[in-house]
Amino acid sequence: SLAFNPLIQKPFCNTLFDEKIAGSFHFTPGACYDEAPNGNESTVHWDLVCIQRPEYGGGEIWFDGELIRKDGLFISDDLRSLNP
């Protein structure tokens, strides 16, 4: 999941907020919530957050061979309105 909440700029050590940090993405291996079953019966649900803003080392996200986000900001014309 890609996050772009401009009001959350740093980790709070609370996954509910951290997975929405501006300029980050989160990946969650394991089972989903009971309310949204996907067939994965894992006993684990582990949220991993990667902040890609320059002060955290930057980063890129590519989708179907196209760079869509760099250093926490969308660069695709269709997505720029999501930037803070």
Protein backbone atom coordinates (compact mmCIF):
# COMPACT_ATOMS: atom_id res chain seq x y z
CA SER A 1 0.00 0.00 0.00
CA LEU A 2 1.27 3.50 -0.84
CA ALA A 3 0.89 6.15 1.83
CA PHE A 4 0.61 9.89 1.37
CA ASN A 5 -0.97 11.43 4.48
CA PRO A 6 0.74 14.85 4.74
CA LEU A 7 -0.11 15.12 8.45
CA ILE A 8 1.94 12.05 9.40
CA GLN A 9 5.62 12.83 8.85
CA LYS A 10 7.46 10.53 11.26
CA PRO A 11 6.97 7.16 12.94
CA PHE A 12 4.72 7.06 16.01
CA CYS A 13 5.60 3.40 16.77
CA ASN A 14 1.91 2.65 16.22
CA THR A 15 1.25 0.68 13.04
CA LEU A 16 -2.18 2.24 12.53
CA PHE A 17 -0.46 5.60 11.94
CA ASP A 18 2.98 4.48 10.72
CA GLU A 19 1.58 2.66 7.69
CA LYS A 20 0.21 6.02 6.49
CA ILE A 21 3.41 8.14 6.81
CA ALA A 22 3.72 10.58 3.91
CA GLY A 23 6.19 9.30 1.32
CA SER A 24 6.12 5.70 2.52
CA PHE A 25 4.71 2.37 1.51
CA HIS A 26 3.86 -0.65 3.60
CA PHE A 27 3.93 -4.32 2.83
CA THR A 28 2.13 -6.89 4.96
CA PRO A 29 3.06 -10.54 4.63
CA GLY A 30 0.73 -12.91 6.41
CA ALA A 31 -2.98 -13.20 7.05
CA CYS A 32 -5.38 -10.35 6.48
CA TYR A 33 -8.04 -9.31 8.96
CA ASP A 34 -10.99 -11.63 9.63
CA GLU A 35 -13.33 -9.01 8.16
CA ALA A 36 -11.56 -9.25 4.76
CA PRO A 37 -10.63 -12.90 4.16
CA ASN A 38 -8.29 -13.63 1.25
CA GLY A 39 -7.68 -17.35 1.76
CA ASN A 40 -4.36 -16.87 3.56
CA GLU A 41 -4.54 -18.87 6.78
CA SER A 42 -1.20 -17.64 8.19
CA THR A 43 -0.91 -17.05 11.94
CA VAL A 44 1.13 -13.90 11.22
CA HIS A 45 0.14 -10.40 10.12
CA TRP A 46 3.29 -8.30 9.95
CA ASP A 47 3.22 -4.66 8.78
CA LEU A 48 6.53 -3.48 7.31
CA VAL A 49 6.87 0.26 6.61
CA CYS A 50 9.47 1.80 4.27
CA ILE A 51 9.76 5.60 4.24
CA GLN A 52 11.19 6.77 0.90
CA ARG A 53 11.59 10.50 1.50
CA PRO A 54 15.15 11.86 0.96
CA GLU A 55 15.85 12.27 4.69
CA TYR A 56 15.25 8.51 5.07
CA GLY A 57 17.45 7.55 2.11
CA GLY A 58 14.97 8.03 -0.74
CA GLY A 59 13.68 5.34 -3.05
CA GLU A 60 11.71 4.57 -6.18
CA ILE A 61 8.50 2.73 -7.00
CA TRP A 62 8.06 1.32 -10.48
CA PHE A 63 4.78 -0.03 -11.86
CA ASP A 64 4.63 -1.92 -15.17
CA GLY A 65 8.03 -0.55 -16.17
CA GLU A 66 7.14 3.07 -15.39
CA LEU A 67 8.64 5.09 -12.55
CA ILE A 68 5.62 6.46 -10.67
CA ARG A 69 7.16 7.68 -7.41
CA LYS A 70 10.64 8.90 -6.46
CA ASP A 71 11.83 9.96 -3.01
CA GLY A 72 8.30 9.80 -1.62
CA LEU A 73 6.65 11.95 -4.31
CA PHE A 74 4.56 10.81 -7.26
CA ILE A 75 6.10 11.90 -10.55
CA SER A 76 3.48 10.55 -12.95
CA ASP A 77 1.25 13.36 -14.23
CA ASP A 78 -1.82 11.28 -13.39
CA LEU A 79 -0.76 10.90 -9.74
CA ARG A 80 0.93 14.23 -8.85
CA SER A 81 -2.27 15.55 -7.28
CA LEU A 82 -1.72 12.99 -4.48
CA ASN A 83 1.51 14.70 -3.39
CA PRO A 84 1.35 16.86 -0.24
